[in-house]
Amino acid sequence: MNKSRPNQFLFRLNDTEKELFLKKVTRSGLSQQNYVKKCVLDKPVISLDRAEMHKILVELSRQGNNLNQIARTLNERGDLIRLKDITEMKEGLEDTWQQLRQLIHTQA
């Protein structure tokens, strides 16, 4: 037993996962143990609030639909989009991006 690292973990992989794991270990040039430690300990894990993420994704979808409607109108009529429409769309996108940034920041 290694006195500096007395704790041991076991995990299971199917054949496909095992092949992928071994390829990645080989490419890294590390031992399996060091590869797993590097993957587990050196990378930040971001866990997101699913309900909040869903709310943001719904809003992004709504804004995408609005953008598609504006593009369709332009293609059909050739009219210029009203500045008010562009401003509202831009503000909505900025608000949504701010919510997304805040969610990621608070979950990190």
C-alpha atoms as a PDB file:
ATOM      1  CA  MET A   1       0.000   0.000   0.000  1.00  0.00           C
ATOM      2  CA  ASN A   2       1.193   3.488  -0.855  1.00  0.00           C
ATOM      3  CA  LYS A   3       1.345   5.438   2.426  1.00  0.00           C
ATOM      4  CA  SER A   4       1.040   8.828   0.734  1.00  0.00           C
ATOM      5  CA  ARG A   5      -2.018   7.675  -1.220  1.00  0.00           C
ATOM      6  CA  PRO A   6      -3.825   5.037   0.844  1.00  0.00           C
ATOM      7  CA  ASN A   7      -7.236   5.521  -0.801  1.00  0.00           C
ATOM      8  CA  GLN A   8      -8.208   3.448  -3.803  1.00  0.00           C
ATOM      9  CA  PHE A   9     -11.120   3.852  -6.227  1.00  0.00           C
ATOM     10  CA  LEU A  10     -12.550   1.341  -8.663  1.00  0.00           C
ATOM     11  CA  PHE A  11     -14.656   2.228 -11.684  1.00  0.00           C
ATOM     12  CA  ARG A  12     -16.095   0.118 -14.472  1.00  0.00           C
ATOM     13  CA  LEU A  13     -16.047   0.662 -18.247  1.00  0.00           C
ATOM     14  CA  ASN A  14     -17.639  -1.219 -21.113  1.00  0.00           C
ATOM     15  CA  ASP A  15     -15.389  -2.428 -23.958  1.00  0.00           C
ATOM     16  CA  THR A  16     -15.861   0.716 -26.065  1.00  0.00           C
ATOM     17  CA  GLU A  17     -15.181   3.020 -23.123  1.00  0.00           C
ATOM     18  CA  LYS A  18     -12.102   0.977 -22.200  1.00  0.00           C
ATOM     19  CA  GLU A  19     -10.670   1.296 -25.728  1.00  0.00           C
ATOM     20  CA  LEU A  20     -11.257   5.054 -25.733  1.00  0.00           C
ATOM     21  CA  PHE A  21      -9.740   5.395 -22.257  1.00  0.00           C
ATOM     22  CA  LEU A  22      -6.621   3.441 -23.216  1.00  0.00           C
ATOM     23  CA  LYS A  23      -6.179   5.491 -26.426  1.00  0.00           C
ATOM     24  CA  LYS A  24      -6.386   8.719 -24.461  1.00  0.00           C
ATOM     25  CA  VAL A  25      -3.934   7.457 -21.840  1.00  0.00           C
ATOM     26  CA  THR A  26      -1.473   6.404 -24.562  1.00  0.00           C
ATOM     27  CA  ARG A  27      -1.757   9.782 -26.334  1.00  0.00           C
ATOM     28  CA  SER A  28      -1.169  11.621 -23.064  1.00  0.00           C
ATOM     29  CA  GLY A  29       2.087   9.816 -22.327  1.00  0.00           C
ATOM     30  CA  LEU A  30       1.006   9.430 -18.697  1.00  0.00           C
ATOM     31  CA  SER A  31       0.403   6.311 -16.653  1.00  0.00           C
ATOM     32  CA  GLN A  32      -3.241   5.334 -16.188  1.00  0.00           C
ATOM     33  CA  GLN A  33      -3.109   6.498 -12.579  1.00  0.00           C
ATOM     34  CA  ASN A  34      -1.590   9.875 -13.420  1.00  0.00           C
ATOM     35  CA  TYR A  35      -3.986  10.355 -16.352  1.00  0.00           C
ATOM     36  CA  VAL A  36      -7.025   9.757 -14.140  1.00  0.00           C
ATOM     37  CA  LYS A  37      -5.644  11.994 -11.385  1.00  0.00           C
ATOM     38  CA  LYS A  38      -4.973  14.771 -13.893  1.00  0.00           C
ATOM     39  CA  CYS A  39      -8.477  14.476 -15.371  1.00  0.00           C
ATOM     40  CA  VAL A  40     -10.164  14.395 -11.976  1.00  0.00           C
ATOM     41  CA  LEU A  41      -8.106  16.889 -10.008  1.00  0.00           C
ATOM     42  CA  ASP A  42      -6.934  19.443 -12.584  1.00  0.00           C
ATOM     43  CA  LYS A  43     -10.198  20.262 -14.332  1.00  0.00           C
ATOM     44  CA  PRO A  44     -12.931  22.436 -12.876  1.00  0.00           C
ATOM     45  CA  VAL A  45     -16.345  20.830 -12.704  1.00  0.00           C
ATOM     46  CA  ILE A  46     -19.309  23.063 -13.376  1.00  0.00           C
ATOM     47  CA  SER A  47     -22.639  21.764 -12.168  1.00  0.00           C
ATOM     48  CA  LEU A  48     -25.576  23.786 -13.389  1.00  0.00           C
ATOM     49  CA  ASP A  49     -29.025  24.285 -11.960  1.00  0.00           C
ATOM     50  CA  ARG A  50     -31.107  22.407 -14.537  1.00  0.00           C
ATOM     51  CA  ALA A  51     -34.281  24.426 -13.921  1.00  0.00           C
ATOM     52  CA  GLU A  52     -32.440  27.712 -14.379  1.00  0.00           C
ATOM     53  CA  MET A  53     -30.630  26.396 -17.467  1.00  0.00           C
ATOM     54  CA  HIS A  54     -33.955  25.251 -18.948  1.00  0.00           C
ATOM     55  CA  LYS A  55     -35.426  28.714 -18.395  1.00  0.00           C
ATOM     56  CA  ILE A  56     -32.489  30.312 -20.214  1.00  0.00           C
ATOM     57  CA  LEU A  57     -32.648  27.818 -23.082  1.00  0.00           C
ATOM     58  CA  VAL A  58     -36.363  28.490 -23.521  1.00  0.00           C
ATOM     59  CA  GLU A  59     -35.612  32.216 -23.703  1.00  0.00           C
ATOM     60  CA  LEU A  60     -32.823  31.677 -26.249  1.00  0.00           C
ATOM     61  CA  SER A  61     -35.216  29.584 -28.328  1.00  0.00           C
ATOM     62  CA  ARG A  62     -37.830  32.351 -28.184  1.00  0.00           C
ATOM     63  CA  GLN A  63     -35.279  34.912 -29.307  1.00  0.00           C
ATOM     64  CA  GLY A  64     -34.147  32.618 -32.122  1.00  0.00           C
ATOM     65  CA  ASN A  65     -37.757  32.379 -33.290  1.00  0.00           C
ATOM     66  CA  ASN A  66     -38.029  36.171 -33.240  1.00  0.00           C
ATOM     67  CA  LEU A  67     -34.864  36.449 -35.309  1.00  0.00           C
ATOM     68  CA  ASN A  68     -36.224  33.921 -37.821  1.00  0.00           C
ATOM     69  CA  GLN A  69     -39.459  35.910 -38.137  1.00  0.00           C
ATOM     70  CA  ILE A  70     -37.510  39.085 -38.831  1.00  0.00           C
ATOM     71  CA  ALA A  71     -35.368  37.318 -41.447  1.00  0.00           C
ATOM     72  CA  ARG A  72     -38.463  35.809 -43.088  1.00  0.00           C
ATOM     73  CA  THR A  73     -40.116  39.233 -43.239  1.00  0.00           C
ATOM     74  CA  LEU A  74     -37.012  40.723 -44.837  1.00  0.00           C
ATOM     75  CA  ASN A  75     -36.853  37.960 -47.424  1.00  0.00           C
ATOM     76  CA  GLU A  76     -40.558  38.187 -48.254  1.00  0.00           C
ATOM     77  CA  ARG A  77     -41.031  41.944 -48.390  1.00  0.00           C
ATOM     78  CA  GLY A  78     -37.539  43.327 -48.693  1.00  0.00           C
ATOM     79  CA  ASP A  79     -38.443  45.925 -46.049  1.00  0.00           C
ATOM     80  CA  LEU A  80     -35.940  47.332 -43.659  1.00  0.00           C
ATOM     81  CA  ILE A  81     -36.378  46.159 -40.110  1.00  0.00           C
ATOM     82  CA  ARG A  82     -37.541  48.840 -37.763  1.00  0.00           C
ATOM     83  CA  LEU A  83     -34.849  50.086 -35.412  1.00  0.00           C
ATOM     84  CA  LYS A  84     -37.193  49.382 -32.495  1.00  0.00           C
ATOM     85  CA  ASP A  85     -37.301  45.652 -33.435  1.00  0.00           C
ATOM     86  CA  ILE A  86     -33.517  45.435 -33.602  1.00  0.00           C
ATOM     87  CA  THR A  87     -33.091  47.277 -30.303  1.00  0.00           C
ATOM     88  CA  GLU A  88     -35.611  45.020 -28.535  1.00  0.00           C
ATOM     89  CA  MET A  89     -33.953  41.894 -29.920  1.00  0.00           C
ATOM     90  CA  LYS A  90     -30.485  43.121 -28.920  1.00  0.00           C
ATOM     91  CA  GLU A  91     -31.630  43.953 -25.386  1.00  0.00           C
ATOM     92  CA  GLY A  92     -33.283  40.539 -25.045  1.00  0.00           C
ATOM     93  CA  LEU A  93     -30.122  38.779 -26.173  1.00  0.00           C
ATOM     94  CA  GLU A  94     -27.963  40.835 -23.811  1.00  0.00           C
ATOM     95  CA  ASP A  95     -30.278  40.006 -20.894  1.00  0.00           C
ATOM     96  CA  THR A  96     -30.204  36.305 -21.700  1.00  0.00           C
ATOM     97  CA  TRP A  97     -26.413  36.232 -22.046  1.00  0.00           C
ATOM     98  CA  GLN A  98     -26.114  38.052 -18.720  1.00  0.00           C
ATOM     99  CA  GLN A  99     -28.353  35.432 -17.062  1.00  0.00           C
ATOM    100  CA  LEU A 100     -26.272  32.644 -18.581  1.00  0.00           C
ATOM    101  CA  ARG A 101     -22.982  34.216 -17.444  1.00  0.00           C
ATOM    102  CA  GLN A 102     -24.384  34.719 -13.948  1.00  0.00           C
ATOM    103  CA  LEU A 103     -25.613  31.126 -13.764  1.00  0.00           C
ATOM    104  CA  ILE A 104     -22.243  29.736 -14.835  1.00  0.00           C
ATOM    105  CA  HIS A 105     -20.368  32.062 -12.452  1.00  0.00           C
ATOM    106  CA  THR A 106     -22.506  31.104  -9.447  1.00  0.00           C
ATOM    107  CA  GLN A 107     -22.244  27.375 -10.240  1.00  0.00           C
ATOM    108  CA  ALA A 108     -18.470  27.315 -10.833  1.00  0.00           C
END
